[in-house]
Amino acid sequence: MIAATAMPVLGEGAFLAWLDRAAPGERIAYHEGHLGCDRAFRISHLPEPVRAEINRVAVCAMDLAGQGRVVLAQRRVGEDRVAYLAIKATPPKAKGGRA
């Protein structure tokens, strides 16, 4: 069994606020634990509001990665614990070399 995370949940609003003010290359841990289990209905041991917010942030992170606005990465922080990171992407340069 994977222990419930003691780390406060980074809410979707805080995640998006970070993205608005972050410089390219800056990173934030948007979850720590086991994301697949922690966001799964009937599997997660976290309270439903926490599990639902983790799921919203994870979906938002995937959507932003699909848009090329963030790069997602993981870093092991302990046995059965992973930090899930979002790294602000560098905006692509427009034709003619201008951003």
PDB file of N, CA and C in Angstrom:
ATOM      1  N   MET A   1       0.850  -1.179   0.000  1.00  0.00           N
ATOM      2  CA  MET A   1       0.000   0.000   0.000  1.00  0.00           C
ATOM      3  C   MET A   1       0.895   1.242   0.000  1.00  0.00           C
ATOM      4  N   ILE A   2       0.527   2.214  -0.772  1.00  0.00           N
ATOM      5  CA  ILE A   2       1.277   3.465  -0.864  1.00  0.00           C
ATOM      6  C   ILE A   2       0.671   4.452   0.120  1.00  0.00           C
ATOM      7  N   ALA A   3       1.518   5.051   0.915  1.00  0.00           N
ATOM      8  CA  ALA A   3       1.051   5.993   1.935  1.00  0.00           C
ATOM      9  C   ALA A   3       0.517   7.264   1.297  1.00  0.00           C
ATOM     10  N   ALA A   4      -0.470   7.844   1.940  1.00  0.00           N
ATOM     11  CA  ALA A   4      -1.016   9.128   1.480  1.00  0.00           C
ATOM     12  C   ALA A   4       0.055  10.202   1.632  1.00  0.00           C
ATOM     13  N   THR A   5       0.079  11.122   0.709  1.00  0.00           N
ATOM     14  CA  THR A   5       1.067  12.195   0.737  1.00  0.00           C
ATOM     15  C   THR A   5       0.749  13.192   1.844  1.00  0.00           C
ATOM     16  N   ALA A   6       1.793  13.695   2.481  1.00  0.00           N
ATOM     17  CA  ALA A   6       1.614  14.736   3.486  1.00  0.00           C
ATOM     18  C   ALA A   6       1.811  16.108   2.859  1.00  0.00           C
ATOM     19  N   MET A   7       2.287  16.127   1.605  1.00  0.00           N
ATOM     20  CA  MET A   7       2.553  17.385   0.920  1.00  0.00           C
ATOM     21  C   MET A   7       1.235  18.063   0.559  1.00  0.00           C
ATOM     22  N   PRO A   8       1.133  19.361   0.823  1.00  0.00           N
ATOM     23  CA  PRO A   8      -0.092  20.051   0.424  1.00  0.00           C
ATOM     24  C   PRO A   8      -0.296  19.963  -1.088  1.00  0.00           C
ATOM     25  N   VAL A   9      -1.531  19.854  -1.484  1.00  0.00           N
ATOM     26  CA  VAL A   9      -1.864  19.775  -2.900  1.00  0.00           C
ATOM     27  C   VAL A   9      -1.668  21.148  -3.542  1.00  0.00           C
ATOM     28  N   LEU A  10      -1.010  21.169  -4.673  1.00  0.00           N
ATOM     29  CA  LEU A  10      -0.931  22.388  -5.474  1.00  0.00           C
ATOM     30  C   LEU A  10      -2.214  22.417  -6.296  1.00  0.00           C
ATOM     31  N   GLY A  11      -3.064  23.358  -6.023  1.00  0.00           N
ATOM     32  CA  GLY A  11      -4.331  23.438  -6.721  1.00  0.00           C
ATOM     33  C   GLY A  11      -4.166  23.933  -8.148  1.00  0.00           C
ATOM     34  N   GLU A  12      -5.196  23.721  -8.942  1.00  0.00           N
ATOM     35  CA  GLU A  12      -5.158  24.120 -10.348  1.00  0.00           C
ATOM     36  C   GLU A  12      -4.933  25.622 -10.503  1.00  0.00           C
ATOM     37  N   GLY A  13      -5.594  26.426  -9.673  1.00  0.00           N
ATOM     38  CA  GLY A  13      -5.422  27.879  -9.748  1.00  0.00           C
ATOM     39  C   GLY A  13      -3.992  28.303  -9.455  1.00  0.00           C
ATOM     40  N   ALA A  14      -3.393  27.701  -8.427  1.00  0.00           N
ATOM     41  CA  ALA A  14      -2.003  28.013  -8.084  1.00  0.00           C
ATOM     42  C   ALA A  14      -1.059  27.548  -9.185  1.00  0.00           C
ATOM     43  N   PHE A  15      -1.358  26.412  -9.784  1.00  0.00           N
ATOM     44  CA  PHE A  15      -0.540  25.892 -10.880  1.00  0.00           C
ATOM     45  C   PHE A  15      -0.565  26.849 -12.072  1.00  0.00           C
ATOM     46  N   LEU A  16      -1.750  27.306 -12.439  1.00  0.00           N
ATOM     47  CA  LEU A  16      -1.875  28.229 -13.567  1.00  0.00           C
ATOM     48  C   LEU A  16      -1.267  29.593 -13.250  1.00  0.00           C
ATOM     49  N   ALA A  17      -1.382  30.040 -11.994  1.00  0.00           N
ATOM     50  CA  ALA A  17      -0.753  31.305 -11.599  1.00  0.00           C
ATOM     51  C   ALA A  17       0.767  31.191 -11.708  1.00  0.00           C
ATOM     52  N   TRP A  18       1.315  30.046 -11.291  1.00  0.00           N
ATOM     53  CA  TRP A  18       2.758  29.821 -11.441  1.00  0.00           C
ATOM     54  C   TRP A  18       3.150  29.915 -12.917  1.00  0.00           C
ATOM     55  N   LEU A  19       2.387  29.268 -13.786  1.00  0.00           N
ATOM     56  CA  LEU A  19       2.702  29.259 -15.210  1.00  0.00           C
ATOM     57  C   LEU A  19       2.713  30.676 -15.782  1.00  0.00           C
ATOM     58  N   ASP A  20       1.787  31.511 -15.345  1.00  0.00           N
ATOM     59  CA  ASP A  20       1.711  32.891 -15.845  1.00  0.00           C
ATOM     60  C   ASP A  20       2.941  33.721 -15.480  1.00  0.00           C
ATOM     61  N   ARG A  21       3.517  33.475 -14.316  1.00  0.00           N
ATOM     62  CA  ARG A  21       4.635  34.309 -13.874  1.00  0.00           C
ATOM     63  C   ARG A  21       6.006  33.651 -14.035  1.00  0.00           C
ATOM     64  N   ALA A  22       6.045  32.351 -14.343  1.00  0.00           N
ATOM     65  CA  ALA A  22       7.319  31.630 -14.439  1.00  0.00           C
ATOM     66  C   ALA A  22       8.071  31.993 -15.714  1.00  0.00           C
ATOM     67  N   ALA A  23       9.380  32.005 -15.597  1.00  0.00           N
ATOM     68  CA  ALA A  23      10.259  32.208 -16.753  1.00  0.00           C
ATOM     69  C   ALA A  23      10.539  30.844 -17.382  1.00  0.00           C
ATOM     70  N   PRO A  24      10.824  30.807 -18.674  1.00  0.00           N
ATOM     71  CA  PRO A  24      11.166  29.529 -19.309  1.00  0.00           C
ATOM     72  C   PRO A  24      12.294  28.826 -18.549  1.00  0.00           C
ATOM     73  N   GLY A  25      12.111  27.537 -18.339  1.00  0.00           N
ATOM     74  CA  GLY A  25      13.091  26.733 -17.614  1.00  0.00           C
ATOM     75  C   GLY A  25      12.785  26.578 -16.138  1.00  0.00           C
ATOM     76  N   GLU A  26      11.942  27.456 -15.585  1.00  0.00           N
ATOM     77  CA  GLU A  26      11.563  27.312 -14.175  1.00  0.00           C
ATOM     78  C   GLU A  26      10.686  26.081 -14.033  1.00  0.00           C
ATOM     79  N   ARG A  27      10.773  25.465 -12.859  1.00  0.00           N
ATOM     80  CA  ARG A  27      10.006  24.241 -12.624  1.00  0.00           C
ATOM     81  C   ARG A  27       9.266  24.307 -11.313  1.00  0.00           C
ATOM     82  N   ILE A  28       8.206  23.496 -11.243  1.00  0.00           N
ATOM     83  CA  ILE A  28       7.424  23.382 -10.016  1.00  0.00           C
ATOM     84  C   ILE A  28       7.008  21.923  -9.871  1.00  0.00           C
ATOM     85  N   ALA A  29       7.013  21.442  -8.637  1.00  0.00           N
ATOM     86  CA  ALA A  29       6.482  20.110  -8.352  1.00  0.00           C
ATOM     87  C   ALA A  29       4.977  20.277  -8.140  1.00  0.00           C
ATOM     88  N   TYR A  30       4.197  19.662  -9.020  1.00  0.00           N
ATOM     89  CA  TYR A  30       2.751  19.796  -8.890  1.00  0.00           C
ATOM     90  C   TYR A  30       2.132  18.650  -8.107  1.00  0.00           C
ATOM     91  N   HIS A  31       2.903  17.610  -7.826  1.00  0.00           N
ATOM     92  CA  HIS A  31       2.435  16.513  -6.971  1.00  0.00           C
ATOM     93  C   HIS A  31       3.634  15.724  -6.499  1.00  0.00           C
ATOM     94  N   GLU A  32       3.501  15.130  -5.330  1.00  0.00           N
ATOM     95  CA  GLU A  32       4.515  14.217  -4.830  1.00  0.00           C
ATOM     96  C   GLU A  32       3.806  13.012  -4.242  1.00  0.00           C
ATOM     97  N   GLY A  33       4.185  11.844  -4.682  1.00  0.00           N
ATOM     98  CA  GLY A  33       3.558  10.597  -4.244  1.00  0.00           C
ATOM     99  C   GLY A  33       3.610   9.607  -5.386  1.00  0.00           C
ATOM    100  N   HIS A  34       2.472   9.000  -5.679  1.00  0.00           N
ATOM    101  CA  HIS A  34       2.331   8.119  -6.842  1.00  0.00           C
ATOM    102  C   HIS A  34       1.093   8.602  -7.584  1.00  0.00           C
ATOM    103  N   LEU A  35       1.308   9.405  -8.612  1.00  0.00           N
ATOM    104  CA  LEU A  35       0.214  10.128  -9.269  1.00  0.00           C
ATOM    105  C   LEU A  35      -0.884   9.200  -9.773  1.00  0.00           C
ATOM    106  N   GLY A  36      -0.514   8.109 -10.395  1.00  0.00           N
ATOM    107  CA  GLY A  36      -1.523   7.183 -10.925  1.00  0.00           C
ATOM    108  C   GLY A  36      -2.458   6.668  -9.846  1.00  0.00           C
ATOM    109  N   CYS A  37      -1.906   6.284  -8.711  1.00  0.00           N
ATOM    110  CA  CYS A  37      -2.723   5.781  -7.601  1.00  0.00           C
ATOM    111  C   CYS A  37      -3.454   6.903  -6.878  1.00  0.00           C
ATOM    112  N   ASP A  38      -2.750   8.013  -6.660  1.00  0.00           N
ATOM    113  CA  ASP A  38      -3.332   9.102  -5.876  1.00  0.00           C
ATOM    114  C   ASP A  38      -4.525   9.761  -6.559  1.00  0.00           C
ATOM    115  N   ARG A  39      -4.593   9.685  -7.879  1.00  0.00           N
ATOM    116  CA  ARG A  39      -5.709  10.325  -8.567  1.00  0.00           C
ATOM    117  C   ARG A  39      -6.812   9.337  -8.963  1.00  0.00           C
ATOM    118  N   ALA A  40      -6.610   8.058  -8.710  1.00  0.00           N
ATOM    119  CA  ALA A  40      -7.562   7.036  -9.154  1.00  0.00           C
ATOM    120  C   ALA A  40      -8.728   6.883  -8.181  1.00  0.00           C
ATOM    121  N   PHE A  41      -9.927   6.958  -8.705  1.00  0.00           N
ATOM    122  CA  PHE A  41     -11.146   6.744  -7.931  1.00  0.00           C
ATOM    123  C   PHE A  41     -11.138   5.313  -7.407  1.00  0.00           C
ATOM    124  N   ARG A  42     -11.470   5.121  -6.154  1.00  0.00           N
ATOM    125  CA  ARG A  42     -11.537   3.838  -5.462  1.00  0.00           C
ATOM    126  C   ARG A  42     -10.182   3.197  -5.177  1.00  0.00           C
ATOM    127  N   ILE A  43      -9.106   3.761  -5.657  1.00  0.00           N
ATOM    128  CA  ILE A  43      -7.775   3.228  -5.362  1.00  0.00           C
ATOM    129  C   ILE A  43      -7.062   4.153  -4.390  1.00  0.00           C
ATOM    130  N   SER A  44      -7.201   5.453  -4.608  1.00  0.00           N
ATOM    131  CA  SER A  44      -6.535   6.449  -3.775  1.00  0.00           C
ATOM    132  C   SER A  44      -7.030   6.362  -2.339  1.00  0.00           C
ATOM    133  N   HIS A  45      -6.114   6.538  -1.400  1.00  0.00           N
ATOM    134  CA  HIS A  45      -6.467   6.584   0.018  1.00  0.00           C
ATOM    135  C   HIS A  45      -6.661   8.023   0.487  1.00  0.00           C
ATOM    136  N   LEU A  46      -6.579   8.960  -0.434  1.00  0.00           N
ATOM    137  CA  LEU A  46      -6.734  10.375  -0.096  1.00  0.00           C
ATOM    138  C   LEU A  46      -8.218  10.745  -0.046  1.00  0.00           C
ATOM    139  N   PRO A  47      -8.563  11.771   0.723  1.00  0.00           N
ATOM    140  CA  PRO A  47      -9.958  12.230   0.736  1.00  0.00           C
ATOM    141  C   PRO A  47     -10.391  12.653  -0.663  1.00  0.00           C
ATOM    142  N   GLU A  48     -11.645  12.451  -0.963  1.00  0.00           N
ATOM    143  CA  GLU A  48     -12.164  12.713  -2.305  1.00  0.00           C
ATOM    144  C   GLU A  48     -11.866  14.122  -2.824  1.00  0.00           C
ATOM    145  N   PRO A  49     -12.033  15.184  -2.038  1.00  0.00           N
ATOM    146  CA  PRO A  49     -11.719  16.515  -2.579  1.00  0.00           C
ATOM    147  C   PRO A  49     -10.244  16.660  -2.966  1.00  0.00           C
ATOM    148  N   VAL A  50      -9.357  16.059  -2.194  1.00  0.00           N
ATOM    149  CA  VAL A  50      -7.924  16.116  -2.493  1.00  0.00           C
ATOM    150  C   VAL A  50      -7.631  15.313  -3.756  1.00  0.00           C
ATOM    151  N   ARG A  51      -8.195  14.109  -3.842  1.00  0.00           N
ATOM    152  CA  ARG A  51      -8.003  13.252  -5.015  1.00  0.00           C
ATOM    153  C   ARG A  51      -8.515  13.950  -6.274  1.00  0.00           C
ATOM    154  N   ALA A  52      -9.657  14.577  -6.187  1.00  0.00           N
ATOM    155  CA  ALA A  52     -10.240  15.260  -7.345  1.00  0.00           C
ATOM    156  C   ALA A  52      -9.360  16.437  -7.787  1.00  0.00           C
ATOM    157  N   GLU A  53      -8.796  17.177  -6.826  1.00  0.00           N
ATOM    158  CA  GLU A  53      -7.940  18.312  -7.182  1.00  0.00           C
ATOM    159  C   GLU A  53      -6.631  17.826  -7.812  1.00  0.00           C
ATOM    160  N   ILE A  54      -6.069  16.746  -7.281  1.00  0.00           N
ATOM    161  CA  ILE A  54      -4.874  16.151  -7.887  1.00  0.00           C
ATOM    162  C   ILE A  54      -5.173  15.765  -9.328  1.00  0.00           C
ATOM    163  N   ASN A  55      -6.328  15.180  -9.559  1.00  0.00           N
ATOM    164  CA  ASN A  55      -6.722  14.789 -10.918  1.00  0.00           C
ATOM    165  C   ASN A  55      -6.852  16.005 -11.827  1.00  0.00           C
ATOM    166  N   ARG A  56      -7.475  17.085 -11.329  1.00  0.00           N
ATOM    167  CA  ARG A  56      -7.625  18.300 -12.147  1.00  0.00           C
ATOM    168  C   ARG A  56      -6.263  18.869 -12.530  1.00  0.00           C
ATOM    169  N   VAL A  57      -5.343  18.918 -11.567  1.00  0.00           N
ATOM    170  CA  VAL A  57      -4.007  19.462 -11.843  1.00  0.00           C
ATOM    171  C   VAL A  57      -3.274  18.560 -12.847  1.00  0.00           C
ATOM    172  N   ALA A  58      -3.389  17.258 -12.693  1.00  0.00           N
ATOM    173  CA  ALA A  58      -2.723  16.327 -13.619  1.00  0.00           C
ATOM    174  C   ALA A  58      -3.267  16.474 -15.037  1.00  0.00           C
ATOM    175  N   VAL A  59      -4.568  16.604 -15.181  1.00  0.00           N
ATOM    176  CA  VAL A  59      -5.179  16.791 -16.505  1.00  0.00           C
ATOM    177  C   VAL A  59      -4.727  18.126 -17.094  1.00  0.00           C
ATOM    178  N   CYS A  60      -4.703  19.165 -16.274  1.00  0.00           N
ATOM    179  CA  CYS A  60      -4.254  20.484 -16.726  1.00  0.00           C
ATOM    180  C   CYS A  60      -2.799  20.422 -17.189  1.00  0.00           C
ATOM    181  N   ALA A  61      -1.943  19.751 -16.419  1.00  0.00           N
ATOM    182  CA  ALA A  61      -0.527  19.622 -16.785  1.00  0.00           C
ATOM    183  C   ALA A  61      -0.375  18.895 -18.119  1.00  0.00           C
ATOM    184  N   MET A  62      -1.129  17.832 -18.320  1.00  0.00           N
ATOM    185  CA  MET A  62      -1.063  17.096 -19.590  1.00  0.00           C
ATOM    186  C   MET A  62      -1.546  17.959 -20.749  1.00  0.00           C
ATOM    187  N   ASP A  63      -2.616  18.717 -20.537  1.00  0.00           N
ATOM    188  CA  ASP A  63      -3.116  19.607 -21.591  1.00  0.00           C
ATOM    189  C   ASP A  63      -2.067  20.658 -21.962  1.00  0.00           C
ATOM    190  N   LEU A  64      -1.439  21.256 -20.949  1.00  0.00           N
ATOM    191  CA  LEU A  64      -0.407  22.267 -21.202  1.00  0.00           C
ATOM    192  C   LEU A  64       0.801  21.655 -21.904  1.00  0.00           C
ATOM    193  N   ALA A  65       1.152  20.438 -21.546  1.00  0.00           N
ATOM    194  CA  ALA A  65       2.255  19.753 -22.227  1.00  0.00           C
ATOM    195  C   ALA A  65       1.898  19.503 -23.692  1.00  0.00           C
ATOM    196  N   GLY A  66       0.660  19.123 -23.948  1.00  0.00           N
ATOM    197  CA  GLY A  66       0.205  18.914 -25.323  1.00  0.00           C
ATOM    198  C   GLY A  66       0.238  20.181 -26.158  1.00  0.00           C
ATOM    199  N   GLN A  67       0.069  21.328 -25.495  1.00  0.00           N
ATOM    200  CA  GLN A  67       0.130  22.627 -26.172  1.00  0.00           C
ATOM    201  C   GLN A  67       1.567  23.135 -26.300  1.00  0.00           C
ATOM    202  N   GLY A  68       2.516  22.416 -25.714  1.00  0.00           N
ATOM    203  CA  GLY A  68       3.911  22.834 -25.765  1.00  0.00           C
ATOM    204  C   GLY A  68       4.263  23.939 -24.781  1.00  0.00           C
ATOM    205  N   ARG A  69       3.403  24.172 -23.794  1.00  0.00           N
ATOM    206  CA  ARG A  69       3.654  25.248 -22.823  1.00  0.00           C
ATOM    207  C   ARG A  69       4.485  24.794 -21.636  1.00  0.00           C
ATOM    208  N   VAL A  70       4.471  23.502 -21.334  1.00  0.00           N
ATOM    209  CA  VAL A  70       5.303  22.933 -20.275  1.00  0.00           C
ATOM    210  C   VAL A  70       5.878  21.612 -20.754  1.00  0.00           C
ATOM    211  N   VAL A  71       6.957  21.218 -20.111  1.00  0.00           N
ATOM    212  CA  VAL A  71       7.544  19.890 -20.292  1.00  0.00           C
ATOM    213  C   VAL A  71       7.361  19.186 -18.957  1.00  0.00           C
ATOM    214  N   LEU A  72       6.881  17.949 -18.994  1.00  0.00           N
ATOM    215  CA  LEU A  72       6.652  17.211 -17.763  1.00  0.00           C
ATOM    216  C   LEU A  72       7.808  16.262 -17.496  1.00  0.00           C
ATOM    217  N   ALA A  73       8.171  16.140 -16.226  1.00  0.00           N
ATOM    218  CA  ALA A  73       9.264  15.256 -15.824  1.00  0.00           C
ATOM    219  C   ALA A  73       8.936  14.674 -14.460  1.00  0.00           C
ATOM    220  N   GLN A  74       9.717  13.673 -14.068  1.00  0.00           N
ATOM    221  CA  GLN A  74       9.567  13.045 -12.761  1.00  0.00           C
ATOM    222  C   GLN A  74      10.934  12.927 -12.111  1.00  0.00           C
ATOM    223  N   ARG A  75      10.925  12.966 -10.781  1.00  0.00           N
ATOM    224  CA  ARG A  75      12.157  12.774 -10.022  1.00  0.00           C
ATOM    225  C   ARG A  75      11.819  11.918  -8.808  1.00  0.00           C
ATOM    226  N   ARG A  76      12.530  10.802  -8.682  1.00  0.00           N
ATOM    227  CA  ARG A  76      12.301   9.929  -7.524  1.00  0.00           C
ATOM    228  C   ARG A  76      12.799  10.637  -6.272  1.00  0.00           C
ATOM    229  N   VAL A  77      11.959  10.660  -5.233  1.00  0.00           N
ATOM    230  CA  VAL A  77      12.335  11.304  -3.974  1.00  0.00           C
ATOM    231  C   VAL A  77      12.384  10.306  -2.825  1.00  0.00           C
ATOM    232  N   GLY A  78      12.028   9.083  -3.076  1.00  0.00           N
ATOM    233  CA  GLY A  78      12.051   8.046  -2.052  1.00  0.00           C
ATOM    234  C   GLY A  78      11.404   6.792  -2.593  1.00  0.00           C
ATOM    235  N   GLU A  79      11.434   5.748  -1.766  1.00  0.00           N
ATOM    236  CA  GLU A  79      10.788   4.505  -2.184  1.00  0.00           C
ATOM    237  C   GLU A  79       9.291   4.760  -2.338  1.00  0.00           C
ATOM    238  N   ASP A  80       8.761   4.432  -3.494  1.00  0.00           N
ATOM    239  CA  ASP A  80       7.335   4.639  -3.806  1.00  0.00           C
ATOM    240  C   ASP A  80       6.908   6.102  -3.749  1.00  0.00           C
ATOM    241  N   ARG A  81       7.849   7.037  -3.918  1.00  0.00           N
ATOM    242  CA  ARG A  81       7.518   8.467  -3.950  1.00  0.00           C
ATOM    243  C   ARG A  81       8.230   9.122  -5.110  1.00  0.00           C
ATOM    244  N   VAL A  82       7.465   9.852  -5.875  1.00  0.00           N
ATOM    245  CA  VAL A  82       7.984  10.543  -7.048  1.00  0.00           C
ATOM    246  C   VAL A  82       7.494  11.987  -6.997  1.00  0.00           C
ATOM    247  N   ALA A  83       8.369  12.919  -7.349  1.00  0.00           N
ATOM    248  CA  ALA A  83       7.960  14.312  -7.523  1.00  0.00           C
ATOM    249  C   ALA A  83       7.623  14.486  -9.004  1.00  0.00           C
ATOM    250  N   TYR A  84       6.444  14.980  -9.293  1.00  0.00           N
ATOM    251  CA  TYR A  84       5.986  15.225 -10.661  1.00  0.00           C
ATOM    252  C   TYR A  84       6.205  16.702 -10.944  1.00  0.00           C
ATOM    253  N   LEU A  85       7.005  16.982 -11.948  1.00  0.00           N
ATOM    254  CA  LEU A  85       7.455  18.337 -12.234  1.00  0.00           C
ATOM    255  C   LEU A  85       6.878  18.863 -13.539  1.00  0.00           C
ATOM    256  N   ALA A  86       6.575  20.140 -13.541  1.00  0.00           N
ATOM    257  CA  ALA A  86       6.236  20.868 -14.765  1.00  0.00           C
ATOM    258  C   ALA A  86       7.336  21.906 -14.956  1.00  0.00           C
ATOM    259  N   ILE A  87       7.898  21.944 -16.149  1.00  0.00           N
ATOM    260  CA  ILE A  87       8.958  22.890 -16.491  1.00  0.00           C
ATOM    261  C   ILE A  87       8.414  23.800 -17.577  1.00  0.00           C
ATOM    262  N   LYS A  88       8.440  25.107 -17.309  1.00  0.00           N
ATOM    263  CA  LYS A  88       7.906  26.036 -18.308  1.00  0.00           C
ATOM    264  C   LYS A  88       8.755  25.972 -19.572  1.00  0.00           C
ATOM    265  N   ALA A  89       8.093  25.773 -20.686  1.00  0.00           N
ATOM    266  CA  ALA A  89       8.771  25.651 -21.970  1.00  0.00           C
ATOM    267  C   ALA A  89       9.175  27.017 -22.509  1.00  0.00           C
ATOM    268  N   THR A  90      10.196  27.005 -23.331  1.00  0.00           N
ATOM    269  CA  THR A  90      10.613  28.209 -24.046  1.00  0.00           C
ATOM    270  C   THR A  90       9.671  28.388 -25.220  1.00  0.00           C
ATOM    271  N   PRO A  91       9.075  29.556 -25.368  1.00  0.00           N
ATOM    272  CA  PRO A  91       8.157  29.748 -26.513  1.00  0.00           C
ATOM    273  C   PRO A  91       8.888  29.550 -27.822  1.00  0.00           C
ATOM    274  N   PRO A  92       8.236  28.921 -28.802  1.00  0.00           N
ATOM    275  CA  PRO A  92       8.892  28.754 -30.106  1.00  0.00           C
ATOM    276  C   PRO A  92       9.097  30.095 -30.779  1.00  0.00           C
ATOM    277  N   LYS A  93      10.162  30.202 -31.525  1.00  0.00           N
ATOM    278  CA  LYS A  93      10.428  31.438 -32.266  1.00  0.00           C
ATOM    279  C   LYS A  93       9.553  31.475 -33.504  1.00  0.00           C
ATOM    280  N   ALA A  94       9.061  32.661 -33.790  1.00  0.00           N
ATOM    281  CA  ALA A  94       8.246  32.851 -35.001  1.00  0.00           C
ATOM    282  C   ALA A  94       9.169  32.826 -36.211  1.00  0.00           C
ATOM    283  N   LYS A  95       8.588  32.666 -37.379  1.00  0.00           N
ATOM    284  CA  LYS A  95       9.370  32.720 -38.617  1.00  0.00           C
ATOM    285  C   LYS A  95      10.133  34.033 -38.668  1.00  0.00           C
ATOM    286  N   GLY A  96      11.350  33.978 -39.123  1.00  0.00           N
ATOM    287  CA  GLY A  96      12.179  35.177 -39.180  1.00  0.00           C
ATOM    288  C   GLY A  96      12.991  35.369 -37.916  1.00  0.00           C
ATOM    289  N   GLY A  97      12.902  34.380 -36.958  1.00  0.00           N
ATOM    290  CA  GLY A  97      13.723  34.427 -35.751  1.00  0.00           C
ATOM    291  C   GLY A  97      13.201  35.302 -34.645  1.00  0.00           C
ATOM    292  N   ARG A  98      11.995  35.807 -34.742  1.00  0.00           N
ATOM    293  CA  ARG A  98      11.427  36.636 -33.675  1.00  0.00           C
ATOM    294  C   ARG A  98      10.463  35.825 -32.845  1.00  0.00           C
ATOM    295  N   ALA A  99      10.476  36.070 -31.545  1.00  0.00           N
ATOM    296  CA  ALA A  99       9.589  35.359 -30.635  1.00  0.00           C
ATOM    297  C   ALA A  99       8.215  36.022 -30.610  1.00  0.00           C
TER     298      ALA A  99
END
